[in-house]
PDB file of N, CA and C in Angstrom:
ATOM      1  N   MET A   1       8.874  -3.285  -7.192  1.00  0.00           N
ATOM      2  CA  MET A   1       8.523  -3.721  -5.849  1.00  0.00           C
ATOM      3  C   MET A   1       7.261  -4.579  -5.869  1.00  0.00           C
ATOM      4  N   LYS A   2       6.330  -4.274  -6.767  1.00  0.00           N
ATOM      5  CA  LYS A   2       5.094  -5.051  -6.828  1.00  0.00           C
ATOM      6  C   LYS A   2       5.348  -6.478  -7.282  1.00  0.00           C
ATOM      7  N   LYS A   3       6.499  -6.695  -7.910  1.00  0.00           N
ATOM      8  CA  LYS A   3       6.853  -8.047  -8.335  1.00  0.00           C
ATOM      9  C   LYS A   3       7.082  -8.946  -7.124  1.00  0.00           C
ATOM     10  N   TYR A   4       7.578  -8.374  -6.040  1.00  0.00           N
ATOM     11  CA  TYR A   4       7.940  -9.160  -4.876  1.00  0.00           C
ATOM     12  C   TYR A   4       6.867  -9.190  -3.798  1.00  0.00           C
ATOM     13  N   PHE A   5       6.110  -8.107  -3.650  1.00  0.00           N
ATOM     14  CA  PHE A   5       5.119  -8.014  -2.584  1.00  0.00           C
ATOM     15  C   PHE A   5       3.788  -7.559  -3.144  1.00  0.00           C
ATOM     16  N   ASP A   6       2.707  -8.065  -2.564  1.00  0.00           N
ATOM     17  CA  ASP A   6       1.394  -7.586  -2.949  1.00  0.00           C
ATOM     18  C   ASP A   6       1.054  -6.350  -2.125  1.00  0.00           C
ATOM     19  N   ALA A   7      -0.082  -5.736  -2.412  1.00  0.00           N
ATOM     20  CA  ALA A   7      -0.463  -4.487  -1.745  1.00  0.00           C
ATOM     21  C   ALA A   7      -0.628  -4.680  -0.238  1.00  0.00           C
ATOM     22  N   ALA A   8      -1.183  -5.798   0.180  1.00  0.00           N
ATOM     23  CA  ALA A   8      -1.389  -6.037   1.610  1.00  0.00           C
ATOM     24  C   ALA A   8      -0.057  -6.145   2.348  1.00  0.00           C
ATOM     25  N   SER A   9       0.910  -6.822   1.757  1.00  0.00           N
ATOM     26  CA  SER A   9       2.227  -6.957   2.391  1.00  0.00           C
ATOM     27  C   SER A   9       2.921  -5.602   2.514  1.00  0.00           C
ATOM     28  N   LEU A  10       2.831  -4.792   1.462  1.00  0.00           N
ATOM     29  CA  LEU A  10       3.425  -3.463   1.522  1.00  0.00           C
ATOM     30  C   LEU A  10       2.746  -2.606   2.584  1.00  0.00           C
ATOM     31  N   ALA A  11       1.427  -2.724   2.696  1.00  0.00           N
ATOM     32  CA  ALA A  11       0.701  -1.960   3.709  1.00  0.00           C
ATOM     33  C   ALA A  11       1.141  -2.373   5.112  1.00  0.00           C
ATOM     34  N   VAL A  12       1.303  -3.671   5.333  1.00  0.00           N
ATOM     35  CA  VAL A  12       1.743  -4.156   6.645  1.00  0.00           C
ATOM     36  C   VAL A  12       3.151  -3.654   6.952  1.00  0.00           C
ATOM     37  N   ILE A  13       4.042  -3.679   5.973  1.00  0.00           N
ATOM     38  CA  ILE A  13       5.400  -3.195   6.183  1.00  0.00           C
ATOM     39  C   ILE A  13       5.391  -1.713   6.542  1.00  0.00           C
ATOM     40  N   VAL A  14       4.655  -0.929   5.791  1.00  0.00           N
ATOM     41  CA  VAL A  14       4.616   0.518   6.032  1.00  0.00           C
ATOM     42  C   VAL A  14       3.998   0.822   7.395  1.00  0.00           C
ATOM     43  N   ILE A  15       2.868   0.210   7.708  1.00  0.00           N
ATOM     44  CA  ILE A  15       2.197   0.471   8.984  1.00  0.00           C
ATOM     45  C   ILE A  15       3.085   0.050  10.154  1.00  0.00           C
ATOM     46  N   THR A  16       3.703  -1.110  10.044  1.00  0.00           N
ATOM     47  CA  THR A  16       4.576  -1.591  11.118  1.00  0.00           C
ATOM     48  C   THR A  16       5.770  -0.660  11.298  1.00  0.00           C
ATOM     49  N   PHE A  17       6.346  -0.212  10.206  1.00  0.00           N
ATOM     50  CA  PHE A  17       7.494   0.690  10.298  1.00  0.00           C
ATOM     51  C   PHE A  17       7.095   2.030  10.907  1.00  0.00           C
ATOM     52  N   VAL A  18       5.940   2.568  10.501  1.00  0.00           N
ATOM     53  CA  VAL A  18       5.464   3.836  11.061  1.00  0.00           C
ATOM     54  C   VAL A  18       5.220   3.688  12.562  1.00  0.00           C
ATOM     55  N   LEU A  19       4.587   2.599  12.954  1.00  0.00           N
ATOM     56  CA  LEU A  19       4.352   2.377  14.384  1.00  0.00           C
ATOM     57  C   LEU A  19       5.661   2.183  15.145  1.00  0.00           C
ATOM     58  N   PHE A  20       6.631   1.524  14.518  1.00  0.00           N
ATOM     59  CA  PHE A  20       7.947   1.352  15.140  1.00  0.00           C
ATOM     60  C   PHE A  20       8.619   2.704  15.377  1.00  0.00           C
ATOM     61  N   VAL A  21       8.596   3.564  14.358  1.00  0.00           N
ATOM     62  CA  VAL A  21       9.202   4.891  14.492  1.00  0.00           C
ATOM     63  C   VAL A  21       8.450   5.711  15.532  1.00  0.00           C
ATOM     64  N   PHE A  22       7.117   5.628  15.529  1.00  0.00           N
ATOM     65  CA  PHE A  22       6.317   6.346  16.529  1.00  0.00           C
ATOM     66  C   PHE A  22       6.652   5.876  17.938  1.00  0.00           C
ATOM     67  N   ALA A  23       6.773   4.584  18.133  1.00  0.00           N
ATOM     68  CA  ALA A  23       7.128   4.053  19.450  1.00  0.00           C
ATOM     69  C   ALA A  23       8.535   4.491  19.843  1.00  0.00           C
ATOM     70  N   LEU A  24       9.424   4.566  18.888  1.00  0.00           N
ATOM     71  CA  LEU A  24      10.788   5.011  19.163  1.00  0.00           C
ATOM     72  C   LEU A  24      10.801   6.463  19.624  1.00  0.00           C
ATOM     73  N   VAL A  25       9.987   7.302  18.962  1.00  0.00           N
ATOM     74  CA  VAL A  25       9.909   8.710  19.330  1.00  0.00           C
ATOM     75  C   VAL A  25       9.193   8.871  20.667  1.00  0.00           C
ATOM     76  N   ALA A  26       8.115   8.125  20.862  1.00  0.00           N
ATOM     77  CA  ALA A  26       7.311   8.277  22.072  1.00  0.00           C
ATOM     78  C   ALA A  26       8.027   7.765  23.316  1.00  0.00           C
ATOM     79  N   LYS A  27       8.707   6.644  23.213  1.00  0.00           N
ATOM     80  CA  LYS A  27       9.332   6.040  24.382  1.00  0.00           C
ATOM     81  C   LYS A  27      10.818   6.349  24.491  1.00  0.00           C
ATOM     82  N   GLY A  28      11.401   6.796  23.411  1.00  0.00           N
ATOM     83  CA  GLY A  28      12.834   7.046  23.427  1.00  0.00           C
ATOM     84  C   GLY A  28      13.595   5.740  23.295  1.00  0.00           C
ATOM     85  N   ILE A  29      14.888   5.854  23.370  1.00  0.00           N
ATOM     86  CA  ILE A  29      15.732   4.667  23.236  1.00  0.00           C
ATOM     87  C   ILE A  29      15.898   4.059  24.634  1.00  0.00           C
ATOM     88  N   THR A  30      15.028   3.105  24.918  1.00  0.00           N
ATOM     89  CA  THR A  30      15.061   2.424  26.213  1.00  0.00           C
ATOM     90  C   THR A  30      15.085   0.929  25.964  1.00  0.00           C
ATOM     91  N   HIS A  31      14.896   0.168  27.014  1.00  0.00           N
ATOM     92  CA  HIS A  31      14.873  -1.287  26.853  1.00  0.00           C
ATOM     93  C   HIS A  31      13.649  -1.736  26.052  1.00  0.00           C
ATOM     94  N   ASP A  32      12.613  -0.887  25.980  1.00  0.00           N
ATOM     95  CA  ASP A  32      11.430  -1.215  25.179  1.00  0.00           C
ATOM     96  C   ASP A  32      11.734  -1.221  23.684  1.00  0.00           C
ATOM     97  N   LEU A  33      12.840  -0.605  23.304  1.00  0.00           N
ATOM     98  CA  LEU A  33      13.230  -0.595  21.905  1.00  0.00           C
ATOM     99  C   LEU A  33      13.450  -2.015  21.388  1.00  0.00           C
ATOM    100  N   LEU A  34      13.995  -2.879  22.223  1.00  0.00           N
ATOM    101  CA  LEU A  34      14.208  -4.267  21.811  1.00  0.00           C
ATOM    102  C   LEU A  34      12.884  -4.968  21.546  1.00  0.00           C
ATOM    103  N   LEU A  35      11.886  -4.692  22.349  1.00  0.00           N
ATOM    104  CA  LEU A  35      10.569  -5.278  22.142  1.00  0.00           C
ATOM    105  C   LEU A  35       9.959  -4.779  20.834  1.00  0.00           C
ATOM    106  N   GLU A  36      10.056  -3.486  20.599  1.00  0.00           N
ATOM    107  CA  GLU A  36       9.507  -2.911  19.362  1.00  0.00           C
ATOM    108  C   GLU A  36      10.247  -3.452  18.139  1.00  0.00           C
ATOM    109  N   ALA A  37      11.545  -3.570  18.241  1.00  0.00           N
ATOM    110  CA  ALA A  37      12.325  -4.111  17.126  1.00  0.00           C
ATOM    111  C   ALA A  37      11.951  -5.565  16.874  1.00  0.00           C
ATOM    112  N   GLY A  38      11.706  -6.313  17.946  1.00  0.00           N
ATOM    113  CA  GLY A  38      11.290  -7.706  17.795  1.00  0.00           C
ATOM    114  C   GLY A  38       9.961  -7.829  17.081  1.00  0.00           C
ATOM    115  N   VAL A  39       9.008  -6.975  17.423  1.00  0.00           N
ATOM    116  CA  VAL A  39       7.705  -6.993  16.759  1.00  0.00           C
ATOM    117  C   VAL A  39       7.868  -6.651  15.288  1.00  0.00           C
ATOM    118  N   PHE A  40       8.697  -5.666  14.984  1.00  0.00           N
ATOM    119  CA  PHE A  40       8.941  -5.287  13.596  1.00  0.00           C
ATOM    120  C   PHE A  40       9.572  -6.437  12.819  1.00  0.00           C
ATOM    121  N   LEU A  41      10.558  -7.084  13.408  1.00  0.00           N
ATOM    122  CA  LEU A  41      11.230  -8.188  12.717  1.00  0.00           C
ATOM    123  C   LEU A  41      10.312  -9.389  12.517  1.00  0.00           C
ATOM    124  N   VAL A  42       9.423  -9.648  13.471  1.00  0.00           N
ATOM    125  CA  VAL A  42       8.466 -10.743  13.301  1.00  0.00           C
ATOM    126  C   VAL A  42       7.528 -10.440  12.138  1.00  0.00           C
ATOM    127  N   SER A  43       7.075  -9.210  12.033  1.00  0.00           N
ATOM    128  CA  SER A  43       6.205  -8.832  10.919  1.00  0.00           C
ATOM    129  C   SER A  43       6.912  -9.008   9.586  1.00  0.00           C
ATOM    130  N   VAL A  44       8.154  -8.565   9.509  1.00  0.00           N
ATOM    131  CA  VAL A  44       8.917  -8.704   8.268  1.00  0.00           C
ATOM    132  C   VAL A  44       9.137 -10.183   7.938  1.00  0.00           C
ATOM    133  N   LYS A  45       9.436 -10.979   8.948  1.00  0.00           N
ATOM    134  CA  LYS A  45       9.659 -12.415   8.730  1.00  0.00           C
ATOM    135  C   LYS A  45       8.394 -13.097   8.213  1.00  0.00           C
ATOM    136  N   LEU A  46       7.243 -12.740   8.761  1.00  0.00           N
ATOM    137  CA  LEU A  46       5.987 -13.321   8.285  1.00  0.00           C
ATOM    138  C   LEU A  46       5.713 -12.949   6.832  1.00  0.00           C
ATOM    139  N   ILE A  47       6.025 -11.732   6.461  1.00  0.00           N
ATOM    140  CA  ILE A  47       5.833 -11.311   5.076  1.00  0.00           C
ATOM    141  C   ILE A  47       6.800 -12.052   4.160  1.00  0.00           C
ATOM    142  N   MET A  48       8.041 -12.221   4.605  1.00  0.00           N
ATOM    143  CA  MET A  48       9.011 -12.974   3.804  1.00  0.00           C
ATOM    144  C   MET A  48       8.573 -14.424   3.629  1.00  0.00           C
ATOM    145  N   MET A  49       8.014 -15.012   4.684  1.00  0.00           N
ATOM    146  CA  MET A  49       7.525 -16.395   4.581  1.00  0.00           C
ATOM    147  C   MET A  49       6.350 -16.480   3.608  1.00  0.00           C
ATOM    148  N   GLY A  50       5.477 -15.492   3.633  1.00  0.00           N
ATOM    149  CA  GLY A  50       4.360 -15.467   2.694  1.00  0.00           C
ATOM    150  C   GLY A  50       4.835 -15.371   1.258  1.00  0.00           C
ATOM    151  N   TYR A  51       5.853 -14.556   1.022  1.00  0.00           N
ATOM    152  CA  TYR A  51       6.413 -14.437  -0.323  1.00  0.00           C
ATOM    153  C   TYR A  51       7.037 -15.755  -0.765  1.00  0.00           C
ATOM    154  N   LYS A  52       7.784 -16.396   0.124  1.00  0.00           N
ATOM    155  CA  LYS A  52       8.402 -17.687  -0.213  1.00  0.00           C
ATOM    156  C   LYS A  52       7.343 -18.738  -0.506  1.00  0.00           C
ATOM    157  N   ASN A  53       6.268 -18.739   0.280  1.00  0.00           N
ATOM    158  CA  ASN A  53       5.183 -19.685   0.036  1.00  0.00           C
ATOM    159  C   ASN A  53       4.529 -19.449  -1.317  1.00  0.00           C
ATOM    160  N   SER A  54       4.351 -18.187  -1.696  1.00  0.00           N
ATOM    161  CA  SER A  54       3.742 -17.917  -3.001  1.00  0.00           C
ATOM    162  C   SER A  54       4.672 -18.348  -4.135  1.00  0.00           C
ATOM    163  N   GLN A  55       5.980 -18.179  -3.960  1.00  0.00           N
ATOM    164  CA  GLN A  55       6.933 -18.656  -4.962  1.00  0.00           C
ATOM    165  C   GLN A  55       6.874 -20.171  -5.088  1.00  0.00           C
ATOM    166  N   ASP A  56       6.849 -20.862  -3.960  1.00  0.00           N
ATOM    167  CA  ASP A  56       6.761 -22.321  -3.978  1.00  0.00           C
ATOM    168  C   ASP A  56       5.457 -22.784  -4.622  1.00  0.00           C
ATOM    169  N   HIS A  57       4.385 -22.089  -4.335  1.00  0.00           N
ATOM    170  CA  HIS A  57       3.080 -22.423  -4.903  1.00  0.00           C
ATOM    171  C   HIS A  57       3.122 -22.316  -6.430  1.00  0.00           C
ATOM    172  N   GLU A  58       3.694 -21.228  -6.940  1.00  0.00           N
ATOM    173  CA  GLU A  58       3.793 -21.048  -8.390  1.00  0.00           C
ATOM    174  C   GLU A  58       4.686 -22.122  -9.019  1.00  0.00           C
ATOM    175  N   ARG A  59       5.776 -22.483  -8.335  1.00  0.00           N
ATOM    176  CA  ARG A  59       6.676 -23.511  -8.863  1.00  0.00           C
ATOM    177  C   ARG A  59       5.971 -24.858  -8.936  1.00  0.00           C
ATOM    178  N   ILE A  60       5.237 -25.203  -7.886  1.00  0.00           N
ATOM    179  CA  ILE A  60       4.520 -26.481  -7.857  1.00  0.00           C
ATOM    180  C   ILE A  60       3.440 -26.509  -8.929  1.00  0.00           C
ATOM    181  N   LEU A  61       2.719 -25.400  -9.104  1.00  0.00           N
ATOM    182  CA  LEU A  61       1.687 -25.351 -10.147  1.00  0.00           C
ATOM    183  C   LEU A  61       2.288 -25.527 -11.538  1.00  0.00           C
ATOM    184  N   SER A  62       3.425 -24.897 -11.790  1.00  0.00           N
ATOM    185  CA  SER A  62       4.045 -25.044 -13.111  1.00  0.00           C
ATOM    186  C   SER A  62       4.508 -26.483 -13.337  1.00  0.00           C
ATOM    187  N   GLN A  63       5.007 -27.129 -12.296  1.00  0.00           N
ATOM    188  CA  GLN A  63       5.414 -28.526 -12.431  1.00  0.00           C
ATOM    189  C   GLN A  63       4.203 -29.431 -12.654  1.00  0.00           C
ATOM    190  N   LEU A  64       3.103 -29.156 -11.968  1.00  0.00           N
ATOM    191  CA  LEU A  64       1.880 -29.944 -12.173  1.00  0.00           C
ATOM    192  C   LEU A  64       1.333 -29.760 -13.578  1.00  0.00           C
ATOM    193  N   ARG A  65       1.400 -28.547 -14.093  1.00  0.00           N
ATOM    194  CA  ARG A  65       0.933 -28.301 -15.460  1.00  0.00           C
ATOM    195  C   ARG A  65       1.800 -29.040 -16.469  1.00  0.00           C
ATOM    196  N   ALA A  66       3.097 -29.156 -16.179  1.00  0.00           N
ATOM    197  CA  ALA A  66       3.996 -29.862 -17.092  1.00  0.00           C
ATOM    198  C   ALA A  66       3.748 -31.363 -17.059  1.00  0.00           C
ATOM    199  N   VAL A  67       3.388 -31.893 -15.912  1.00  0.00           N
ATOM    200  CA  VAL A  67       3.191 -33.334 -15.755  1.00  0.00           C
ATOM    201  C   VAL A  67       1.776 -33.744 -16.167  1.00  0.00           C
ATOM    202  N   SER A  68       0.818 -32.880 -16.006  1.00  0.00           N
ATOM    203  CA  SER A  68      -0.592 -33.196 -16.218  1.00  0.00           C
ATOM    204  C   SER A  68      -0.909 -33.832 -17.581  1.00  0.00           C
ATOM    205  N   PRO A  69      -0.383 -33.342 -18.689  1.00  0.00           N
ATOM    206  CA  PRO A  69      -0.710 -33.988 -19.970  1.00  0.00           C
ATOM    207  C   PRO A  69      -0.193 -35.418 -20.081  1.00  0.00           C
ATOM    208  N   ASN A  70       0.795 -35.786 -19.306  1.00  0.00           N
ATOM    209  CA  ASN A  70       1.384 -37.123 -19.393  1.00  0.00           C
ATOM    210  C   ASN A  70       0.656 -38.154 -18.534  1.00  0.00           C
ATOM    211  N   ILE A  71      -0.277 -37.710 -17.702  1.00  0.00           N
ATOM    212  CA  ILE A  71      -0.980 -38.622 -16.811  1.00  0.00           C
ATOM    213  C   ILE A  71      -2.150 -39.236 -17.587  1.00  0.00           C
ATOM    214  N   LYS A  72      -2.198 -40.551 -17.560  1.00  0.00           N
ATOM    215  CA  LYS A  72      -3.292 -41.253 -18.239  1.00  0.00           C
ATOM    216  C   LYS A  72      -4.228 -41.819 -17.181  1.00  0.00           C
ATOM    217  N   GLY A  73      -5.443 -41.356 -17.215  1.00  0.00           N
ATOM    218  CA  GLY A  73      -6.432 -41.844 -16.276  1.00  0.00           C
ATOM    219  C   GLY A  73      -7.415 -42.750 -16.984  1.00  0.00           C
ATOM    220  N   PRO A  74      -8.455 -43.183 -16.267  1.00  0.00           N
ATOM    221  CA  PRO A  74      -9.461 -44.022 -16.896  1.00  0.00           C
ATOM    222  C   PRO A  74     -10.135 -43.299 -18.060  1.00  0.00           C
ATOM    223  N   GLY A  75     -10.199 -43.959 -19.187  1.00  0.00           N
ATOM    224  CA  GLY A  75     -10.835 -43.377 -20.362  1.00  0.00           C
ATOM    225  C   GLY A  75      -9.929 -42.470 -21.170  1.00  0.00           C
ATOM    226  N   ARG A  76      -8.684 -42.350 -20.788  1.00  0.00           N
ATOM    227  CA  ARG A  76      -7.748 -41.487 -21.514  1.00  0.00           C
ATOM    228  C   ARG A  76      -6.729 -42.298 -22.296  1.00  0.00           C
ATOM    229  N   GLU A  77      -6.973 -43.558 -22.482  1.00  0.00           N
ATOM    230  CA  GLU A  77      -5.976 -44.418 -23.112  1.00  0.00           C
ATOM    231  C   GLU A  77      -6.011 -44.308 -24.586  1.00  0.00           C
TER     232      GLU A  77
END
């Protein structure tokens, strides 16, 4: 699991889920459940976007490292 998420992301997932379950128990299954589910899904989506961004960042860095030795700048001729 640590391969996919960092400690902060896991903490946000756990806290959001606990609060979601608490709200479900406290308010019962009412129309507010849709609001709570929406908040939970937004949190999960933000974490997924952060993971995708970190993957893209690593991919771009590896491509830059591969290209970097081939770049000739002033004084490198």
